[in-house]
Amino acid sequence: MRAAVLTRHGADGLEIQDLPGPVAAAGQTLVRVRSAGVNFSDVHIVEGTYSFNPPLPHQPGIEAVGTTDDGRRVLARAGAGAWAERMLSEQVVELPDFVSDRAALAMATQGYSAWHILRTVARVTRGDTVAVTGAAGGVGSIAVQLAKAWGARRVIGAASTSEKRDHAKRLGADVTVDSTSADIGAELVEANGGRQLDVILEMQGGPRFDSAFAALAPFGRCVVYGAASGEQATPVRPEGLMAGTRILAGFSAYNLSTLRREMFPETMIGLFGMIKKGQLDAETGRDYPLADVAQAVRDMRDRATIGKVTLTVAA
């Protein structure tokens, strides 16, 4: 079978190799992959900058849509190996006809993350004001839509280009700001009519995290779900959170999917239901052939993509 293999760190270290097909063990499902998703966590693994660095050579990819031996169309998640013609999975969800391959892949990690960042960690409530950095990315674009669907009073989308900000508005953001602003916190407060924010979803890190966190209102919740800048933020003193009774939390989809495995199928049911009702649009994104996986990683690393990035593995 054809598979993407990381032989050395960096996109140039990705090779398409011909490997023996995997054999399912007890509790595993063999999936013939039709399309696979690309996530920021994959980019970090390829670049060697993730908190988990598997030994090389490594077969990246954690999600795919394909068919099982008995003909079921499924969404499959795994710790590795999804960028291949065959993969093994211990987390398989059968897909309804109304969920496209792209939408399913968008839900597998980004939708799953956005749901639990907002609901499980931030505990967003009706009437909250919510700011989403990376509002045109995979997680951010879904978070904007979920926050609106769940009754947020005002959703502010932060994105780096006018095209990305327009995309966030189309998805329901009430107002957008430039995420490259040196004082993003001031931009968020101004966009909220001079008031601080109840919920901030932060994925830039570095000085822009410092600025965004300063825009958090009393009793506010800030959830860190990425560090795209690669820069270090100023350490937060725990006693400093007491002023304003503010909450700072982190989120890892990997932790949730491995330690609370039952949440994956439950969350997919909720997300698929919202797609059926027209409350979620997950069709925006770019598709690459498997042979161009290195370019897909480069484009995502350079933040040149909008929505969900996918790989076509089989016709």
Protein backbone atom coordinates (compact mmCIF):
# COMPACT_ATOMS: atom_id res chain seq x y z
CA MET A 1 0.00 0.00 0.00
CA ARG A 2 1.05 3.64 -0.48
CA ALA A 3 1.70 5.52 2.73
CA ALA A 4 3.27 8.80 3.81
CA VAL A 5 6.30 8.13 6.00
CA LEU A 6 8.23 10.73 7.99
CA THR A 7 11.91 9.79 7.70
CA ARG A 8 13.32 13.02 9.18
CA HIS A 9 11.74 16.11 10.72
CA GLY A 10 10.46 18.76 8.35
CA ALA A 11 8.06 18.59 5.41
CA ASP A 12 10.92 17.52 3.13
CA GLY A 13 11.25 14.41 5.29
CA LEU A 14 7.85 13.11 4.17
CA GLU A 15 8.10 10.31 1.61
CA ILE A 16 5.44 8.24 -0.15
CA GLN A 17 6.52 4.64 0.28
CA ASP A 18 5.11 1.26 -0.67
CA LEU A 19 4.55 -0.67 2.57
CA PRO A 20 2.87 -3.94 3.55
CA GLY A 21 -0.77 -3.46 4.52
CA PRO A 22 -1.59 -3.56 8.25
CA VAL A 23 -3.38 -6.52 9.83
CA ALA A 24 -6.14 -5.87 12.37
CA ALA A 25 -5.75 -7.27 15.87
CA ALA A 26 -8.49 -7.70 18.47
CA GLY A 27 -10.38 -4.46 19.01
CA GLN A 28 -9.09 -2.89 15.79
CA THR A 29 -10.87 -2.16 12.51
CA LEU A 30 -9.12 -2.19 9.15
CA VAL A 31 -10.20 0.82 7.08
CA ARG A 32 -9.59 1.33 3.37
CA VAL A 33 -8.88 5.04 3.32
CA ARG A 34 -10.53 7.33 0.81
CA SER A 35 -9.56 10.68 2.34
CA ALA A 36 -7.59 11.82 5.36
CA GLY A 37 -7.35 15.00 7.40
CA VAL A 38 -4.39 17.24 8.19
CA ASN A 39 -4.24 19.00 11.57
CA PHE A 40 -1.90 21.41 13.29
CA SER A 41 -0.85 18.58 15.59
CA ASP A 42 0.28 16.67 12.48
CA VAL A 43 2.30 19.68 11.36
CA HIS A 44 4.01 19.88 14.76
CA ILE A 45 4.84 16.16 14.64
CA VAL A 46 6.31 16.54 11.16
CA GLU A 47 8.33 19.56 12.28
CA GLY A 48 9.43 17.86 15.49
CA THR A 49 7.92 20.60 17.66
CA TYR A 50 5.11 18.68 19.31
CA SER A 51 4.99 17.68 22.97
CA PHE A 52 4.86 14.06 21.72
CA ASN A 53 7.62 13.18 19.29
CA PRO A 54 7.38 9.59 18.05
CA PRO A 55 10.55 7.80 16.93
CA LEU A 56 11.36 7.91 13.21
CA PRO A 57 10.44 6.58 10.75
CA HIS A 58 6.82 7.42 11.59
CA GLN A 59 3.52 7.19 9.70
CA PRO A 60 1.59 10.40 10.46
CA GLY A 61 -2.14 11.04 10.30
CA ILE A 62 -4.80 10.59 12.95
CA GLU A 63 -8.13 10.65 11.05
CA ALA A 64 -9.58 9.28 7.84
CA VAL A 65 -12.80 8.48 6.05
CA GLY A 66 -13.04 5.14 4.31
CA THR A 67 -14.78 1.78 4.19
CA THR A 68 -14.56 -1.34 6.31
CA ASP A 69 -14.39 -4.92 5.04
CA ASP A 70 -18.17 -5.19 5.43
CA GLY A 71 -18.76 -2.09 3.31
CA ARG A 72 -19.58 0.49 5.98
CA ARG A 73 -18.53 4.11 5.33
CA VAL A 74 -16.82 5.27 8.50
CA LEU A 75 -14.89 8.05 10.17
CA ALA A 76 -11.82 6.54 11.84
CA ARG A 77 -9.38 7.96 14.38
CA ALA A 78 -6.02 6.54 15.37
CA GLY A 79 -2.78 7.54 17.02
CA ALA A 80 -0.96 7.34 13.68
CA GLY A 81 -1.07 5.87 10.19
CA ALA A 82 -4.05 7.63 8.58
CA TRP A 83 -2.06 9.08 5.65
CA ALA A 84 -2.09 5.73 3.88
CA GLU A 85 -4.29 3.50 1.73
CA ARG A 86 -5.02 1.28 4.74
CA MET A 87 -5.15 2.13 8.43
CA LEU A 88 -6.05 0.47 11.71
CA SER A 89 -8.43 2.19 14.10
CA GLU A 90 -9.89 1.55 17.54
CA GLN A 91 -12.31 4.50 17.22
CA VAL A 92 -14.70 4.10 14.31
CA VAL A 93 -18.01 5.91 13.79
CA GLU A 94 -20.39 5.02 10.97
CA LEU A 95 -21.22 8.04 8.81
CA PRO A 96 -24.72 9.09 7.76
CA ASP A 97 -25.21 9.93 4.08
CA PHE A 98 -25.77 13.65 4.78
CA VAL A 99 -22.23 14.08 6.18
CA SER A 100 -19.64 14.54 3.43
CA ASP A 101 -16.09 13.23 3.70
CA ARG A 102 -14.74 16.76 4.25
CA ALA A 103 -17.31 17.56 6.93
CA ALA A 104 -16.63 14.28 8.70
CA LEU A 105 -12.88 14.95 8.73
CA ALA A 106 -13.49 18.47 9.99
CA MET A 107 -15.51 17.07 12.88
CA ALA A 108 -13.01 14.32 13.81
CA THR A 109 -10.48 16.57 15.51
CA GLN A 110 -11.35 20.23 14.94
CA GLY A 111 -15.08 19.90 15.57
CA TYR A 112 -14.39 17.61 18.51
CA SER A 113 -11.93 20.17 19.89
CA ALA A 114 -14.18 23.18 19.36
CA TRP A 115 -17.11 21.42 21.04
CA HIS A 116 -15.17 20.55 24.18
CA ILE A 117 -13.17 23.78 24.36
CA LEU A 118 -16.44 25.69 24.50
CA ARG A 119 -18.69 23.28 26.36
CA THR A 120 -16.45 21.15 28.59
CA VAL A 121 -13.64 23.58 29.44
CA ALA A 122 -14.95 27.15 28.91
CA ARG A 123 -18.52 26.18 29.85
CA VAL A 124 -19.89 28.84 27.54
CA THR A 125 -23.34 30.06 28.52
CA ARG A 126 -26.08 31.91 26.72
CA GLY A 127 -25.26 35.61 26.71
CA ASP A 128 -21.47 35.25 26.92
CA THR A 129 -19.19 37.35 24.76
CA VAL A 130 -16.71 35.04 23.02
CA ALA A 131 -13.46 35.83 21.18
CA VAL A 132 -11.94 33.19 18.89
CA THR A 133 -8.37 33.60 17.67
CA GLY A 134 -7.56 31.63 14.54
CA ALA A 135 -11.21 32.13 13.60
CA ALA A 136 -10.75 30.93 10.01
CA GLY A 137 -8.78 27.82 10.91
CA GLY A 138 -10.08 24.31 11.46
CA VAL A 139 -10.94 24.63 15.15
CA GLY A 140 -11.70 28.35 15.10
CA SER A 141 -14.15 28.26 12.19
CA ILE A 142 -16.22 25.61 13.94
CA ALA A 143 -15.92 27.33 17.32
CA VAL A 144 -17.39 30.51 15.83
CA GLN A 145 -20.41 28.58 14.60
CA LEU A 146 -20.90 26.61 17.82
CA ALA A 147 -20.67 29.72 19.98
CA LYS A 148 -23.41 31.39 17.90
CA ALA A 149 -25.58 28.27 17.87
CA TRP A 150 -25.27 27.97 21.65
CA GLY A 151 -26.44 31.51 22.27
CA ALA A 152 -23.32 33.63 22.66
CA ARG A 153 -24.34 37.28 22.77
CA ARG A 154 -21.39 38.41 20.67
CA VAL A 155 -18.74 36.41 18.83
CA ILE A 156 -15.53 38.15 17.79
CA GLY A 157 -13.31 36.40 15.27
CA ALA A 158 -9.60 37.21 15.07
CA ALA A 159 -7.79 36.27 11.85
CA SER A 160 -4.65 37.37 10.02
CA THR A 161 -5.97 38.40 6.58
CA SER A 162 -9.02 40.14 5.18
CA GLU A 163 -9.96 36.92 3.35
CA LYS A 164 -9.87 34.96 6.59
CA ARG A 165 -11.81 37.64 8.46
CA ASP A 166 -14.47 37.64 5.75
CA HIS A 167 -14.70 33.87 6.10
CA ALA A 168 -15.23 34.18 9.87
CA LYS A 169 -18.02 36.70 9.26
CA ARG A 170 -19.72 34.35 6.80
CA LEU A 171 -19.69 31.70 9.51
CA GLY A 172 -21.43 33.99 11.98
CA ALA A 173 -18.85 36.17 13.70
CA ASP A 174 -20.50 39.45 14.67
CA VAL A 175 -17.28 41.38 14.17
CA THR A 176 -13.68 40.53 13.29
CA VAL A 177 -10.27 41.91 14.19
CA ASP A 178 -6.74 41.54 12.84
CA SER A 179 -4.98 38.82 14.83
CA THR A 180 -1.56 40.17 13.81
CA SER A 181 -2.14 43.35 15.81
CA ALA A 182 0.57 43.85 18.42
CA ASP A 183 -2.14 44.68 20.97
CA ILE A 184 -4.78 42.11 20.09
CA GLY A 185 -6.35 42.52 23.53
CA ALA A 186 -7.12 46.17 22.88
CA GLU A 187 -8.62 45.22 19.50
CA LEU A 188 -10.88 42.65 21.16
CA VAL A 189 -12.06 45.06 23.82
CA GLU A 190 -12.79 47.74 21.23
CA ALA A 191 -14.71 45.20 19.12
CA ASN A 192 -16.77 44.39 22.21
CA GLY A 193 -17.85 47.97 22.73
CA GLY A 194 -15.13 48.75 25.25
CA ARG A 195 -15.93 45.80 27.51
CA GLN A 196 -13.72 42.85 28.39
CA LEU A 197 -14.60 39.35 27.17
CA ASP A 198 -16.29 36.48 29.01
CA VAL A 199 -14.58 33.73 26.98
CA ILE A 200 -11.36 33.85 24.94
CA LEU A 201 -10.13 30.95 22.82
CA GLU A 202 -6.40 31.57 22.31
CA MET A 203 -4.08 29.74 19.93
CA GLN A 204 -1.29 32.20 19.06
CA GLY A 205 0.86 32.16 22.17
CA GLY A 206 3.70 34.56 22.90
CA PRO A 207 3.10 38.29 23.42
CA ARG A 208 -0.28 38.10 21.71
CA PHE A 209 -1.45 35.66 24.38
CA ASP A 210 -0.35 38.19 27.02
CA SER A 211 -2.36 40.91 25.30
CA ALA A 212 -5.45 38.72 24.75
CA PHE A 213 -5.45 37.45 28.33
CA ALA A 214 -5.47 41.04 29.57
CA ALA A 215 -8.82 41.44 27.79
CA LEU A 216 -10.50 38.77 29.94
CA ALA A 217 -13.37 40.04 32.09
CA PRO A 218 -13.94 39.19 35.76
CA PHE A 219 -15.22 35.60 35.99
CA GLY A 220 -13.91 35.12 32.44
CA ARG A 221 -12.48 31.89 31.02
CA CYS A 222 -9.47 31.76 28.68
CA VAL A 223 -8.74 28.42 26.99
CA VAL A 224 -5.39 27.90 25.27
CA TYR A 225 -5.70 25.43 22.38
CA GLY A 226 -2.52 26.15 20.42
CA ALA A 227 0.70 28.14 20.19
CA ALA A 228 1.02 28.86 16.48
CA SER A 229 3.57 31.65 16.89
CA GLY A 230 6.11 29.38 18.53
CA GLU A 231 6.91 32.22 20.95
CA GLN A 232 6.89 32.05 24.73
CA ALA A 233 4.19 33.90 26.62
CA THR A 234 4.89 35.63 29.93
CA PRO A 235 4.39 33.09 32.76
CA VAL A 236 1.09 33.58 34.56
CA ARG A 237 1.30 33.78 38.35
CA PRO A 238 -1.48 31.67 39.91
CA GLU A 239 -2.24 34.30 42.54
CA GLY A 240 -2.77 36.80 39.73
CA LEU A 241 -5.84 34.84 38.65
CA MET A 242 -7.52 35.73 41.93
CA ALA A 243 -7.96 39.34 40.81
CA GLY A 244 -11.16 39.19 38.81
CA THR A 245 -11.70 35.48 39.56
CA ARG A 246 -10.40 34.56 36.11
CA ILE A 247 -9.82 31.05 34.78
CA LEU A 248 -6.94 30.03 32.52
CA ALA A 249 -7.11 26.50 31.09
CA GLY A 250 -5.44 24.44 28.42
CA PHE A 251 -7.01 21.94 26.04
CA SER A 252 -5.63 18.85 24.29
CA ALA A 253 -7.83 16.78 22.00
CA TYR A 254 -5.31 13.96 22.36
CA ASN A 255 -5.82 13.81 26.12
CA LEU A 256 -9.58 13.83 25.77
CA SER A 257 -9.74 11.21 23.04
CA THR A 258 -7.38 8.82 24.85
CA LEU A 259 -8.52 9.32 28.45
CA ARG A 260 -12.25 9.77 27.77
CA ARG A 261 -12.72 7.53 24.75
CA GLU A 262 -16.47 7.34 25.16
CA MET A 263 -16.74 11.06 24.40
CA PHE A 264 -15.73 10.68 20.75
CA PRO A 265 -18.84 8.86 19.40
CA GLU A 266 -21.08 10.90 21.71
CA THR A 267 -19.65 14.17 20.39
CA MET A 268 -19.88 13.05 16.76
CA ILE A 269 -23.61 12.37 17.21
CA GLY A 270 -24.06 15.94 18.44
CA LEU A 271 -21.98 17.49 15.66
CA PHE A 272 -23.60 15.42 12.91
CA GLY A 273 -26.99 16.49 14.22
CA MET A 274 -26.00 20.14 13.92
CA ILE A 275 -24.81 19.55 10.35
CA LYS A 276 -28.17 18.01 9.50
CA LYS A 277 -29.96 21.04 10.95
CA GLY A 278 -27.79 23.42 8.91
CA GLN A 279 -26.11 24.87 12.00
CA LEU A 280 -22.60 23.89 10.93
CA ASP A 281 -20.82 24.55 7.64
CA ALA A 282 -17.64 22.49 7.34
CA GLU A 283 -17.25 22.40 3.56
CA THR A 284 -14.57 25.10 3.20
CA GLY A 285 -11.01 23.90 2.77
CA ARG A 286 -8.38 22.68 0.37
CA ASP A 287 -7.73 19.15 -0.82
CA TYR A 288 -4.34 17.75 -1.84
CA PRO A 289 -3.46 14.40 -3.40
CA LEU A 290 -1.55 12.09 -1.04
CA ALA A 291 1.57 12.61 -3.16
CA ASP A 292 1.48 16.33 -2.25
CA VAL A 293 1.23 15.80 1.51
CA ALA A 294 4.47 17.71 2.09
CA GLN A 295 3.01 20.79 0.41
CA ALA A 296 -0.15 20.47 2.49
CA VAL A 297 1.98 20.51 5.64
CA ARG A 298 3.96 23.54 4.42
CA ASP A 299 0.81 25.49 3.58
CA MET A 300 -0.74 24.75 6.95
CA ARG A 301 2.51 25.60 8.75
CA ASP A 302 2.63 28.93 6.89
CA ARG A 303 -1.03 29.58 7.78
CA ALA A 304 -1.93 29.78 4.09
CA THR A 305 -5.06 27.63 4.44
CA ILE A 306 -8.67 28.25 5.42
CA GLY A 307 -11.00 25.64 6.88
CA LYS A 308 -10.25 21.93 6.72
CA VAL A 309 -7.19 20.60 4.89
CA THR A 310 -7.66 17.10 3.45
CA LEU A 311 -5.75 14.51 1.45
CA THR A 312 -7.30 12.42 -1.33
CA VAL A 313 -5.93 8.91 -0.91
CA ALA A 314 -8.22 6.86 -3.17
CA ALA A 315 -10.81 7.81 -5.79
